[in-house]
C-alpha atoms as a PDB file:
ATOM      1  CA  MET A   1       0.060   0.061   0.023  1.00  0.00           C
ATOM      2  CA  ASN A   2       1.473   3.302  -1.145  1.00  0.00           C
ATOM      3  CA  GLY A   3       1.520   6.459   1.023  1.00  0.00           C
ATOM      4  CA  LYS A   4      -1.581   7.947  -0.521  1.00  0.00           C
ATOM      5  CA  ALA A   5      -3.648   4.910  -0.114  1.00  0.00           C
ATOM      6  CA  ALA A   6      -2.476   4.558   3.567  1.00  0.00           C
ATOM      7  CA  SER A   7      -3.428   8.261   4.121  1.00  0.00           C
ATOM      8  CA  ILE A   8      -6.896   7.703   2.695  1.00  0.00           C
ATOM      9  CA  LEU A   9      -7.250   4.547   4.952  1.00  0.00           C
ATOM     10  CA  VAL A  10      -6.259   6.447   8.021  1.00  0.00           C
ATOM     11  CA  ALA A  11      -8.527   9.336   7.129  1.00  0.00           C
ATOM     12  CA  LYS A  12     -11.524   6.915   6.589  1.00  0.00           C
ATOM     13  CA  LEU A  13     -10.696   5.137   9.898  1.00  0.00           C
ATOM     14  CA  LEU A  14     -10.591   8.389  11.839  1.00  0.00           C
ATOM     15  CA  LEU A  15     -13.915   9.586  10.342  1.00  0.00           C
ATOM     16  CA  SER A  16     -15.571   6.191  11.145  1.00  0.00           C
ATOM     17  CA  ILE A  17     -14.372   6.588  14.784  1.00  0.00           C
ATOM     18  CA  GLY A  18     -15.599  10.179  14.860  1.00  0.00           C
ATOM     19  CA  LEU A  19     -19.028   9.349  13.419  1.00  0.00           C
ATOM     20  CA  LEU A  20     -19.394   6.467  15.717  1.00  0.00           C
ATOM     21  CA  ALA A  21     -18.472   8.511  18.799  1.00  0.00           C
ATOM     22  CA  LEU A  22     -20.836  11.264  17.660  1.00  0.00           C
ATOM     23  CA  VAL A  23     -23.706   8.728  17.503  1.00  0.00           C
ATOM     24  CA  LEU A  24     -22.880   7.251  20.869  1.00  0.00           C
ATOM     25  CA  ALA A  25     -22.845  10.652  22.420  1.00  0.00           C
ATOM     26  CA  LYS A  26     -26.472  11.101  21.393  1.00  0.00           C
ATOM     27  CA  VAL A  27     -27.755   7.492  21.911  1.00  0.00           C
ATOM     28  CA  ASP A  28     -27.578   5.689  25.225  1.00  0.00           C
ATOM     29  CA  LEU A  29     -25.188   2.726  24.967  1.00  0.00           C
ATOM     30  CA  ALA A  30     -27.075   0.785  27.605  1.00  0.00           C
ATOM     31  CA  SER A  31     -30.173   1.082  25.391  1.00  0.00           C
ATOM     32  CA  ILE A  32     -28.398  -0.269  22.377  1.00  0.00           C
ATOM     33  CA  PHE A  33     -27.292  -3.277  24.377  1.00  0.00           C
ATOM     34  CA  GLU A  34     -30.729  -3.806  25.721  1.00  0.00           C
ATOM     35  CA  VAL A  35     -32.118  -4.044  22.133  1.00  0.00           C
ATOM     36  CA  LEU A  36     -29.372  -6.509  21.239  1.00  0.00           C
ATOM     37  CA  LEU A  37     -30.000  -8.711  24.119  1.00  0.00           C
ATOM     38  CA  LYS A  38     -33.720  -8.989  23.243  1.00  0.00           C
ATOM     39  CA  ALA A  39     -33.114  -9.891  19.618  1.00  0.00           C
ATOM     40  CA  ASP A  40     -34.601 -13.029  18.284  1.00  0.00           C
ATOM     41  CA  PRO A  41     -31.566 -15.271  17.423  1.00  0.00           C
ATOM     42  CA  TRP A  42     -33.482 -17.246  14.845  1.00  0.00           C
ATOM     43  CA  LEU A  43     -34.653 -14.160  12.880  1.00  0.00           C
ATOM     44  CA  VAL A  44     -31.052 -12.881  13.097  1.00  0.00           C
ATOM     45  CA  VAL A  45     -29.887 -16.139  11.515  1.00  0.00           C
ATOM     46  CA  LEU A  46     -32.510 -15.819   8.804  1.00  0.00           C
ATOM     47  CA  TRP A  47     -31.460 -12.290   8.087  1.00  0.00           C
ATOM     48  CA  TYR A  48     -27.887 -13.288   7.685  1.00  0.00           C
ATOM     49  CA  ALA A  49     -28.896 -16.126   5.386  1.00  0.00           C
ATOM     50  CA  LEU A  50     -30.647 -13.649   3.188  1.00  0.00           C
ATOM     51  CA  VAL A  51     -27.685 -11.363   3.089  1.00  0.00           C
ATOM     52  CA  SER A  52     -25.403 -14.264   2.007  1.00  0.00           C
ATOM     53  CA  ALA A  53     -28.031 -15.480  -0.549  1.00  0.00           C
ATOM     54  CA  ASN A  54     -27.770 -12.116  -2.175  1.00  0.00           C
ATOM     55  CA  THR A  55     -24.233 -12.710  -3.039  1.00  0.00           C
ATOM     56  CA  ALA A  56     -25.431 -15.496  -5.316  1.00  0.00           C
ATOM     57  CA  LEU A  57     -27.766 -13.132  -7.213  1.00  0.00           C
ATOM     58  CA  VAL A  58     -24.904 -10.551  -7.545  1.00  0.00           C
ATOM     59  CA  ALA A  59     -22.617 -13.235  -8.967  1.00  0.00           C
ATOM     60  CA  TRP A  60     -25.327 -14.339 -11.394  1.00  0.00           C
ATOM     61  CA  ARG A  61     -25.744 -10.778 -12.639  1.00  0.00           C
ATOM     62  CA  TRP A  62     -22.013 -10.560 -13.406  1.00  0.00           C
ATOM     63  CA  GLU A  63     -22.086 -13.869 -15.231  1.00  0.00           C
ATOM     64  CA  ILE A  64     -24.957 -12.640 -17.350  1.00  0.00           C
ATOM     65  CA  LEU A  65     -22.995  -9.599 -18.405  1.00  0.00           C
ATOM     66  CA  SER A  66     -19.884 -11.648 -19.056  1.00  0.00           C
ATOM     67  CA  PRO A  67     -21.031 -14.639 -21.209  1.00  0.00           C
ATOM     68  CA  GLY A  68     -17.588 -16.192 -21.186  1.00  0.00           C
ATOM     69  CA  LEU A  69     -17.628 -16.436 -17.503  1.00  0.00           C
ATOM     70  CA  SER A  70     -18.880 -19.437 -15.616  1.00  0.00           C
ATOM     71  CA  TYR A  71     -21.098 -19.024 -12.666  1.00  0.00           C
ATOM     72  CA  GLY A  72     -18.693 -20.661 -10.327  1.00  0.00           C
ATOM     73  CA  THR A  73     -15.874 -18.280 -11.371  1.00  0.00           C
ATOM     74  CA  ALA A  74     -18.271 -15.339 -11.106  1.00  0.00           C
ATOM     75  CA  LEU A  75     -19.215 -16.285  -7.628  1.00  0.00           C
ATOM     76  CA  LYS A  76     -15.600 -16.992  -6.540  1.00  0.00           C
ATOM     77  CA  TYR A  77     -14.338 -13.503  -7.666  1.00  0.00           C
ATOM     78  CA  THR A  78     -17.502 -11.806  -6.239  1.00  0.00           C
ATOM     79  CA  TRP A  79     -16.576 -13.141  -2.915  1.00  0.00           C
ATOM     80  CA  ILE A  80     -12.940 -11.923  -3.467  1.00  0.00           C
ATOM     81  CA  GLY A  81     -14.354  -8.463  -4.401  1.00  0.00           C
ATOM     82  CA  ILE A  82     -16.435  -8.251  -1.271  1.00  0.00           C
ATOM     83  CA  PHE A  83     -13.327  -9.073   0.757  1.00  0.00           C
ATOM     84  CA  PHE A  84     -11.158  -6.391  -0.873  1.00  0.00           C
ATOM     85  CA  GLY A  85     -14.069  -3.942  -0.837  1.00  0.00           C
ATOM     86  CA  HIS A  86     -14.040  -4.101   2.983  1.00  0.00           C
ATOM     87  CA  VAL A  87     -10.262  -3.880   3.544  1.00  0.00           C
ATOM     88  CA  LEU A  88      -9.202  -1.452   0.870  1.00  0.00           C
ATOM     89  CA  PRO A  89      -9.741   2.237   0.571  1.00  0.00           C
ATOM     90  CA  GLY A  90     -12.180   3.543  -2.186  1.00  0.00           C
ATOM     91  CA  SER A  91     -15.726   2.751  -2.988  1.00  0.00           C
ATOM     92  CA  ILE A  92     -14.948   0.612  -6.007  1.00  0.00           C
ATOM     93  CA  ALA A  93     -11.863  -1.087  -4.657  1.00  0.00           C
ATOM     94  CA  GLY A  94     -13.575  -4.431  -4.495  1.00  0.00           C
ATOM     95  CA  ASP A  95     -14.668  -4.298  -8.185  1.00  0.00           C
ATOM     96  CA  ILE A  96     -11.202  -3.344  -9.217  1.00  0.00           C
ATOM     97  CA  ALA A  97      -9.602  -6.008  -7.116  1.00  0.00           C
ATOM     98  CA  LYS A  98     -11.758  -8.831  -8.350  1.00  0.00           C
ATOM     99  CA  GLY A  99     -11.060  -7.873 -12.066  1.00  0.00           C
ATOM    100  CA  VAL A 100      -7.375  -7.693 -11.383  1.00  0.00           C
ATOM    101  CA  SER A 101      -7.360 -11.057  -9.544  1.00  0.00           C
ATOM    102  CA  LEU A 102      -9.359 -12.748 -12.243  1.00  0.00           C
ATOM    103  CA  ALA A 103      -7.241 -11.319 -14.972  1.00  0.00           C
ATOM    104  CA  LEU A 104      -4.028 -12.457 -13.340  1.00  0.00           C
ATOM    105  CA  ASN A 105      -5.353 -15.979 -12.836  1.00  0.00           C
ATOM    106  CA  ASP A 106      -7.086 -16.571 -16.117  1.00  0.00           C
ATOM    107  CA  ASN A 107      -5.872 -15.038 -19.277  1.00  0.00           C
ATOM    108  CA  SER A 108      -8.977 -16.245 -21.225  1.00  0.00           C
ATOM    109  CA  ALA A 109     -11.312 -14.204 -19.063  1.00  0.00           C
ATOM    110  CA  ARG A 110      -9.643 -10.861 -19.953  1.00  0.00           C
ATOM    111  CA  SER A 111     -11.753 -10.260 -22.976  1.00  0.00           C
ATOM    112  CA  GLY A 112     -14.552  -7.929 -22.118  1.00  0.00           C
ATOM    113  CA  LEU A 113     -13.690  -8.132 -18.420  1.00  0.00           C
ATOM    114  CA  ALA A 114     -13.413  -4.438 -17.714  1.00  0.00           C
ATOM    115  CA  ALA A 115     -16.656  -3.795 -19.660  1.00  0.00           C
ATOM    116  CA  SER A 116     -18.515  -6.395 -17.765  1.00  0.00           C
ATOM    117  CA  ILE A 117     -17.372  -5.062 -14.259  1.00  0.00           C
ATOM    118  CA  VAL A 118     -18.414  -1.490 -15.296  1.00  0.00           C
ATOM    119  CA  ALA A 119     -21.624  -2.704 -16.712  1.00  0.00           C
ATOM    120  CA  ASP A 120     -22.316  -4.732 -13.524  1.00  0.00           C
ATOM    121  CA  LYS A 121     -21.640  -1.735 -11.394  1.00  0.00           C
ATOM    122  CA  VAL A 122     -23.783   0.703 -13.481  1.00  0.00           C
ATOM    123  CA  VAL A 123     -26.861  -1.695 -13.617  1.00  0.00           C
ATOM    124  CA  GLY A 124     -26.767  -2.293 -10.057  1.00  0.00           C
ATOM    125  CA  LEU A 125     -26.476   1.285  -9.192  1.00  0.00           C
ATOM    126  CA  ALA A 126     -29.278   2.189 -11.740  1.00  0.00           C
ATOM    127  CA  ALA A 127     -31.636  -0.243 -10.000  1.00  0.00           C
ATOM    128  CA  LEU A 128     -30.741   1.157  -6.637  1.00  0.00           C
ATOM    129  CA  ILE A 129     -31.241   4.761  -7.656  1.00  0.00           C
ATOM    130  CA  LEU A 130     -34.715   3.920  -9.076  1.00  0.00           C
ATOM    131  CA  LEU A 131     -35.776   2.356  -5.744  1.00  0.00           C
ATOM    132  CA  PHE A 132     -34.278   5.304  -3.903  1.00  0.00           C
ATOM    133  CA  ASP A 133     -36.362   7.719  -5.981  1.00  0.00           C
ATOM    134  CA  LEU A 134     -39.477   5.627  -5.481  1.00  0.00           C
ATOM    135  CA  ALA A 135     -38.737   5.665  -1.739  1.00  0.00           C
ATOM    136  CA  CYS A 136     -38.509   9.444  -1.763  1.00  0.00           C
ATOM    137  CA  VAL A 137     -41.780   9.824  -3.537  1.00  0.00           C
ATOM    138  CA  VAL A 138     -43.535   7.398  -1.109  1.00  0.00           C
ATOM    139  CA  VAL A 139     -42.080   9.349   1.858  1.00  0.00           C
ATOM    140  CA  TYR A 140     -43.244  12.628   0.430  1.00  0.00           C
ATOM    141  CA  LEU A 141     -46.853  11.357  -0.284  1.00  0.00           C
ATOM    142  CA  LEU A 142     -47.451   9.284   2.787  1.00  0.00           C
ATOM    143  CA  TYR A 143     -45.410  10.907   5.501  1.00  0.00           C
ATOM    144  CA  GLY A 144     -45.035  14.543   4.273  1.00  0.00           C
ATOM    145  CA  ASP A 145     -48.173  15.745   6.122  1.00  0.00           C
ATOM    146  CA  ASP A 146     -47.065  14.439   9.488  1.00  0.00           C
ATOM    147  CA  TYR A 147     -43.379  15.117   9.237  1.00  0.00           C
ATOM    148  CA  VAL A 148     -42.560  18.242   7.479  1.00  0.00           C
ATOM    149  CA  GLN A 149     -38.829  17.714   8.006  1.00  0.00           C
ATOM    150  CA  ILE A 150     -38.979  14.317   6.221  1.00  0.00           C
ATOM    151  CA  ARG A 151     -40.988  16.035   3.324  1.00  0.00           C
ATOM    152  CA  HIS A 152     -38.073  18.494   2.830  1.00  0.00           C
ATOM    153  CA  LEU A 153     -35.459  15.867   3.016  1.00  0.00           C
ATOM    154  CA  ALA A 154     -37.440  13.651   0.481  1.00  0.00           C
ATOM    155  CA  VAL A 155     -37.582  16.563  -2.040  1.00  0.00           C
ATOM    156  CA  ILE A 156     -33.828  17.428  -1.630  1.00  0.00           C
ATOM    157  CA  ALA A 157     -32.757  13.729  -1.984  1.00  0.00           C
ATOM    158  CA  LEU A 158     -35.053  13.251  -5.038  1.00  0.00           C
ATOM    159  CA  VAL A 159     -33.618  16.337  -6.788  1.00  0.00           C
ATOM    160  CA  LEU A 160     -30.051  15.299  -6.067  1.00  0.00           C
ATOM    161  CA  SER A 161     -30.634  11.814  -7.354  1.00  0.00           C
ATOM    162  CA  LEU A 162     -32.281  12.938 -10.522  1.00  0.00           C
ATOM    163  CA  ALA A 163     -29.470  15.251 -11.127  1.00  0.00           C
ATOM    164  CA  GLY A 164     -27.049  12.514 -10.702  1.00  0.00           C
ATOM    165  CA  MET A 165     -28.999  10.251 -13.079  1.00  0.00           C
ATOM    166  CA  ILE A 166     -29.046  12.929 -15.691  1.00  0.00           C
ATOM    167  CA  ALA A 167     -25.258  13.401 -15.298  1.00  0.00           C
ATOM    168  CA  GLY A 168     -24.871   9.678 -15.609  1.00  0.00           C
ATOM    169  CA  VAL A 169     -26.952   9.453 -18.793  1.00  0.00           C
ATOM    170  CA  VAL A 170     -24.896  12.398 -20.315  1.00  0.00           C
ATOM    171  CA  ALA A 171     -21.746  10.614 -19.416  1.00  0.00           C
ATOM    172  CA  VAL A 172     -22.967   7.365 -21.134  1.00  0.00           C
ATOM    173  CA  ILE A 173     -23.975   9.299 -24.279  1.00  0.00           C
ATOM    174  CA  PHE A 174     -20.700  11.010 -24.328  1.00  0.00           C
ATOM    175  CA  ALA A 175     -18.809   7.827 -23.821  1.00  0.00           C
ATOM    176  CA  ALA A 176     -20.779   6.028 -26.474  1.00  0.00           C
ATOM    177  CA  ARG A 177     -19.596   8.460 -29.082  1.00  0.00           C
ATOM    178  CA  GLY A 178     -16.231   6.875 -28.967  1.00  0.00           C
ATOM    179  CA  GLU A 179     -13.087   6.906 -26.902  1.00  0.00           C
ATOM    180  CA  SER A 180     -11.280   9.621 -29.054  1.00  0.00           C
ATOM    181  CA  ALA A 181     -12.636  12.399 -26.858  1.00  0.00           C
ATOM    182  CA  THR A 182     -11.041  10.840 -23.844  1.00  0.00           C
ATOM    183  CA  THR A 183      -7.443  10.279 -25.219  1.00  0.00           C
ATOM    184  CA  ASP A 184      -6.477  13.966 -25.065  1.00  0.00           C
ATOM    185  CA  GLY A 185      -7.181  14.648 -21.424  1.00  0.00           C
ATOM    186  CA  GLY A 186      -4.422  12.687 -19.706  1.00  0.00           C
ATOM    187  CA  ALA A 187      -4.965   9.873 -17.313  1.00  0.00           C
ATOM    188  CA  GLY A 188      -7.001  11.548 -14.632  1.00  0.00           C
ATOM    189  CA  LEU A 189      -9.691   9.768 -12.707  1.00  0.00           C
ATOM    190  CA  VAL A 190     -12.602  11.436 -14.692  1.00  0.00           C
ATOM    191  CA  VAL A 191     -10.938  10.509 -18.023  1.00  0.00           C
ATOM    192  CA  ARG A 192     -10.384   6.833 -16.953  1.00  0.00           C
ATOM    193  CA  ALA A 193     -14.032   6.762 -15.821  1.00  0.00           C
ATOM    194  CA  VAL A 194     -15.213   8.003 -19.184  1.00  0.00           C
ATOM    195  CA  GLN A 195     -12.895   5.581 -20.965  1.00  0.00           C
ATOM    196  CA  SER A 196     -14.315   2.745 -18.977  1.00  0.00           C
ATOM    197  CA  LEU A 197     -17.937   3.817 -19.802  1.00  0.00           C
ATOM    198  CA  ALA A 198     -16.790   4.083 -23.476  1.00  0.00           C
ATOM    199  CA  GLY A 199     -15.681   0.514 -23.548  1.00  0.00           C
ATOM    200  CA  ALA A 200     -18.737  -0.787 -21.734  1.00  0.00           C
ATOM    201  CA  SER A 201     -21.097   1.217 -24.062  1.00  0.00           C
ATOM    202  CA  LYS A 202     -19.396  -0.150 -27.064  1.00  0.00           C
ATOM    203  CA  PHE A 203     -19.391  -3.719 -25.885  1.00  0.00           C
ATOM    204  CA  TYR A 204     -23.114  -3.781 -24.858  1.00  0.00           C
ATOM    205  CA  SER A 205     -24.525  -1.417 -27.648  1.00  0.00           C
ATOM    206  CA  LYS A 206     -25.653  -4.599 -29.457  1.00  0.00           C
ATOM    207  CA  LYS A 207     -26.514  -6.619 -26.378  1.00  0.00           C
ATOM    208  CA  PRO A 208     -29.480  -4.808 -24.790  1.00  0.00           C
ATOM    209  CA  ALA A 209     -31.061  -8.075 -23.838  1.00  0.00           C
ATOM    210  CA  LEU A 210     -28.115  -8.798 -21.480  1.00  0.00           C
ATOM    211  CA  LEU A 211     -28.533  -5.478 -19.844  1.00  0.00           C
ATOM    212  CA  LEU A 212     -32.354  -6.049 -19.280  1.00  0.00           C
ATOM    213  CA  ARG A 213     -31.634  -9.494 -17.704  1.00  0.00           C
ATOM    214  CA  ALA A 214     -29.029  -8.049 -15.449  1.00  0.00           C
ATOM    215  CA  PHE A 215     -31.329  -5.203 -14.459  1.00  0.00           C
ATOM    216  CA  ALA A 216     -34.099  -7.658 -13.540  1.00  0.00           C
ATOM    217  CA  ILE A 217     -31.583  -9.744 -11.496  1.00  0.00           C
ATOM    218  CA  SER A 218     -30.341  -6.506  -9.797  1.00  0.00           C
ATOM    219  CA  SER A 219     -34.003  -5.618  -9.029  1.00  0.00           C
ATOM    220  CA  ALA A 220     -34.530  -9.069  -7.418  1.00  0.00           C
ATOM    221  CA  SER A 221     -31.324  -8.582  -5.477  1.00  0.00           C
ATOM    222  CA  HIS A 222     -32.576  -5.283  -4.047  1.00  0.00           C
ATOM    223  CA  VAL A 223     -36.001  -6.674  -3.238  1.00  0.00           C
ATOM    224  CA  LEU A 224     -34.262  -9.522  -1.399  1.00  0.00           C
ATOM    225  CA  ASN A 225     -32.337  -6.975   0.565  1.00  0.00           C
ATOM    226  CA  MET A 226     -35.541  -5.168   1.534  1.00  0.00           C
ATOM    227  CA  ALA A 227     -37.046  -8.438   2.760  1.00  0.00           C
ATOM    228  CA  ALA A 228     -33.828  -8.828   4.840  1.00  0.00           C
ATOM    229  CA  MET A 229     -34.210  -5.315   6.292  1.00  0.00           C
ATOM    230  CA  TYR A 230     -37.849  -6.258   7.269  1.00  0.00           C
ATOM    231  CA  ILE A 231     -36.785  -9.445   8.963  1.00  0.00           C
ATOM    232  CA  SER A 232     -34.125  -7.400  10.741  1.00  0.00           C
ATOM    233  CA  PHE A 233     -36.826  -5.208  12.123  1.00  0.00           C
ATOM    234  CA  ARG A 234     -38.830  -8.290  13.403  1.00  0.00           C
ATOM    235  CA  ALA A 235     -35.516  -9.661  14.817  1.00  0.00           C
ATOM    236  CA  LEU A 236     -34.921  -6.510  16.848  1.00  0.00           C
ATOM    237  CA  ARG A 237     -38.745  -6.205  17.677  1.00  0.00           C
ATOM    238  CA  VAL A 238     -38.903  -2.883  15.790  1.00  0.00           C
ATOM    239  CA  ASP A 239     -42.417  -1.762  15.331  1.00  0.00           C
ATOM    240  CA  ALA A 240     -42.142  -1.016  11.554  1.00  0.00           C
ATOM    241  CA  GLY A 241     -43.459  -2.699   8.492  1.00  0.00           C
ATOM    242  CA  MET A 242     -42.348  -3.683   5.058  1.00  0.00           C
ATOM    243  CA  LEU A 243     -43.009  -0.197   3.694  1.00  0.00           C
ATOM    244  CA  VAL A 244     -40.492   1.402   6.127  1.00  0.00           C
ATOM    245  CA  ALA A 245     -38.018  -1.322   5.290  1.00  0.00           C
ATOM    246  CA  ALA A 246     -38.461  -0.412   1.601  1.00  0.00           C
ATOM    247  CA  ILE A 247     -37.766   3.081   2.340  1.00  0.00           C
ATOM    248  CA  VAL A 248     -34.868   2.639   4.887  1.00  0.00           C
ATOM    249  CA  TYR A 249     -32.955   0.086   2.663  1.00  0.00           C
ATOM    250  CA  PRO A 250     -32.327   2.308  -0.541  1.00  0.00           C
ATOM    251  CA  VAL A 251     -31.637   5.424   1.480  1.00  0.00           C
ATOM    252  CA  LEU A 252     -29.027   3.484   3.698  1.00  0.00           C
ATOM    253  CA  SER A 253     -27.526   1.914   0.609  1.00  0.00           C
ATOM    254  CA  VAL A 254     -27.099   5.234  -1.189  1.00  0.00           C
ATOM    255  CA  MET A 255     -25.475   6.703   1.931  1.00  0.00           C
ATOM    256  CA  LEU A 256     -23.107   3.774   2.126  1.00  0.00           C
ATOM    257  CA  LEU A 257     -21.944   4.536  -1.446  1.00  0.00           C
ATOM    258  CA  ILE A 258     -20.234   7.569  -0.221  1.00  0.00           C
ATOM    259  CA  PRO A 259     -16.568   6.358   0.351  1.00  0.00           C
ATOM    260  CA  ILE A 260     -15.765   8.119   3.701  1.00  0.00           C
ATOM    261  CA  SER A 261     -15.664   5.353   6.160  1.00  0.00           C
ATOM    262  CA  ILE A 262     -14.372   1.827   6.737  1.00  0.00           C
ATOM    263  CA  SER A 263     -16.988  -0.815   5.933  1.00  0.00           C
ATOM    264  CA  GLY A 264     -19.611   1.834   6.425  1.00  0.00           C
ATOM    265  CA  ILE A 265     -18.821   2.137  10.275  1.00  0.00           C
ATOM    266  CA  GLY A 266     -20.103   5.412  11.513  1.00  0.00           C
ATOM    267  CA  VAL A 267     -22.071   6.192   8.383  1.00  0.00           C
ATOM    268  CA  ARG A 268     -24.364   3.254   8.830  1.00  0.00           C
ATOM    269  CA  ASP A 269     -24.834   3.938  12.479  1.00  0.00           C
ATOM    270  CA  ALA A 270     -25.589   7.662  11.983  1.00  0.00           C
ATOM    271  CA  THR A 271     -27.885   7.092   8.965  1.00  0.00           C
ATOM    272  CA  LEU A 272     -30.000   4.537  10.768  1.00  0.00           C
ATOM    273  CA  ALA A 273     -30.275   6.439  13.976  1.00  0.00           C
ATOM    274  CA  VAL A 274     -31.494   9.621  12.071  1.00  0.00           C
ATOM    275  CA  LEU A 275     -33.865   7.583   9.900  1.00  0.00           C
ATOM    276  CA  PHE A 276     -35.341   5.734  12.953  1.00  0.00           C
ATOM    277  CA  ALA A 277     -35.843   8.971  14.749  1.00  0.00           C
ATOM    278  CA  LEU A 278     -37.530  10.581  11.833  1.00  0.00           C
ATOM    279  CA  PHE A 279     -40.036   7.706  11.696  1.00  0.00           C
ATOM    280  CA  GLY A 280     -40.652   7.954  15.428  1.00  0.00           C
ATOM    281  CA  LEU A 281     -38.679   4.684  16.170  1.00  0.00           C
ATOM    282  CA  PRO A 282     -35.967   4.394  18.876  1.00  0.00           C
ATOM    283  CA  ALA A 283     -32.585   5.572  17.719  1.00  0.00           C
ATOM    284  CA  ALA A 284     -31.071   2.849  19.869  1.00  0.00           C
ATOM    285  CA  SER A 285     -32.784   0.185  17.665  1.00  0.00           C
ATOM    286  CA  GLY A 286     -31.294   1.800  14.557  1.00  0.00           C
ATOM    287  CA  VAL A 287     -27.740   1.646  16.012  1.00  0.00           C
ATOM    288  CA  ALA A 288     -28.347  -1.994  17.168  1.00  0.00           C
ATOM    289  CA  LEU A 289     -29.455  -2.837  13.735  1.00  0.00           C
ATOM    290  CA  SER A 290     -26.238  -1.074  12.339  1.00  0.00           C
ATOM    291  CA  TRP A 291     -24.014  -3.220  14.433  1.00  0.00           C
ATOM    292  CA  LEU A 292     -25.716  -6.534  13.513  1.00  0.00           C
ATOM    293  CA  ALA A 293     -25.614  -5.360   9.835  1.00  0.00           C
ATOM    294  CA  LEU A 294     -21.954  -5.012  10.062  1.00  0.00           C
ATOM    295  CA  PHE A 295     -21.608  -8.582  11.440  1.00  0.00           C
ATOM    296  CA  ALA A 296     -23.834  -9.730   8.636  1.00  0.00           C
ATOM    297  CA  THR A 297     -21.014  -8.938   6.154  1.00  0.00           C
ATOM    298  CA  VAL A 298     -18.643 -11.114   8.051  1.00  0.00           C
ATOM    299  CA  PRO A 299     -19.370 -14.438   6.488  1.00  0.00           C
ATOM    300  CA  ASN A 300     -19.053 -13.227   2.885  1.00  0.00           C
ATOM    301  CA  VAL A 301     -15.827 -11.204   3.852  1.00  0.00           C
ATOM    302  CA  ALA A 302     -14.441 -14.341   5.567  1.00  0.00           C
ATOM    303  CA  ILE A 303     -15.223 -16.584   2.562  1.00  0.00           C
ATOM    304  CA  GLY A 304     -13.559 -14.048   0.081  1.00  0.00           C
ATOM    305  CA  GLY A 305     -10.481 -13.586   2.237  1.00  0.00           C
ATOM    306  CA  ALA A 306     -10.189 -17.500   2.561  1.00  0.00           C
ATOM    307  CA  ILE A 307     -10.368 -17.838  -1.199  1.00  0.00           C
ATOM    308  CA  GLN A 308      -7.786 -15.219  -1.726  1.00  0.00           C
ATOM    309  CA  LEU A 309      -5.446 -16.807   0.703  1.00  0.00           C
ATOM    310  CA  TRP A 310      -5.942 -20.145  -1.097  1.00  0.00           C
ATOM    311  CA  GLU A 311      -5.161 -18.660  -4.416  1.00  0.00           C
ATOM    312  CA  MET A 312      -1.951 -17.060  -3.073  1.00  0.00           C
ATOM    313  CA  TYR A 313      -0.985 -20.339  -1.437  1.00  0.00           C
ATOM    314  CA  ARG A 314      -1.754 -22.298  -4.740  1.00  0.00           C
ATOM    315  CA  LYS A 315       0.475 -20.072  -6.708  1.00  0.00           C
ATOM    316  CA  ARG A 316       3.393 -20.615  -4.428  1.00  0.00           C
END
């Protein structure tokens, strides 16, 4: 790890600690542990099982977008990507790491690999943003009269997400015109991003059916995560239904896209505490859910780390 990457990692770690400390300054620690002690262990296990099952859907989406990739290989390197996504700085570190690892281990998989990873990320993000916008609309229509603050937040979030979607569409259109426009600007982050979009746009311009299938799988993945969120409510005895889960999940997921913390620590806690408070639910339950949600990622991270260690051992 170079000096810049180490500095980013330290900054994210400090920010995670700072956000977590801020949350604990506002929420009683004893109340959080009380919620955790009352949790239904069987429902927690079911919740964790759904989180792990979602990995199978994510791998399937990548396999669809990369026809030359077997499902077993896609699942294997999806786990590796999850592992690196939690230990390396940067919001797309896991995607880059799984692509690099696969390219180093299998020369035949290099064809279209970068395009498939970019398309996989874009399709998943598109489905998430669509659900996020729907959540904002539902919040505005159903809760706006009772919670004026929520109405204002919903409008702001909707406007920002729509602006982001428009910017994304413009970037894709610009990239689809060809890579020539990107070759004169150096090797900056924006240029590389446009080049990646250009490659993906060119690769999938004649394969819209693959994108539609991937989008359907991505939508199913997000619905499964909403169900897991609802089960987490039941596990922690939170008095909220599926509608609240369908709102909380996309909002939390969008917040976790911001690469400012380690494994979402601090950001997840603060977001859930605020969302629960806005919906009249105990903030302590939100923080307790955040802590259990962090542990829900452990099985996939452990599997990915074990696979990566085995690959290193096998090479030696």
